[in-house]
Amino acid sequence: MPLLLDLTKARRECEFPETRQTVREIWAEPTIPDLWACWEQHGKHSPLLAVDIETERSPLQISEVGFASDPHHALHIPFVVEKKSWWKTAEEEVPPWKFVKHVCQSSIPKIRQNLQYDMYWLIKEMGIKMMNYKHDAMLLSHAWQPELGKSLYFLGSVLLDEARWKNIRKSIDKEDF
């Protein structure tokens, strides 16, 4: 099946001479006012909000939280970058976590990837309970095609024609790409 998906993707791609990418606005290094501006402009009216967290292995902690309100708008909130806190002081880190809690506990329906992992970390580390989650992309994809990979990278690449995005945050600052 993976070979068939790759060939189907290659057929789609060969119809165009250039590599096509969706234009997106990613808020990658937000200030506190940016968090709320992004929520007002894109998040609070989203029919389905994608939520994802990343964790550091050493020490084990939440390093970043991301939200996407649609295929064109996303917000990336860094907490730990290269083993150091993104925010200058512990006091500066409190408002972004309050924002994350507000969004996670909002009535907006949410989709996650590996929901159990993210929920465990949000509750364990920050006391944030996820509300109104509707789907887990990993479980849905596994139920649909159990023989395929279930990582978000695999799903994005094969099913959505998305390039690897894990390192996007290193090169953008609220720019379209």
Foldseek 3Di string as FASTA:
>chain_A
DVVVLVVVVVVVQVVDPDQDDDKAFEAQEDALVRLVVLCVVANPPAQEKEKEWDFDVVVTATAWIKIDRDPHYIYIGGQADPNHGPDPDPVRVVSVLVSVLCRQADQREYEYAPVVVVQCRCCVPPVRHGPRYDYHQLVVVCVVPVVDDRDPQRCCCRVVVDDDDPCVSVPDHRDID
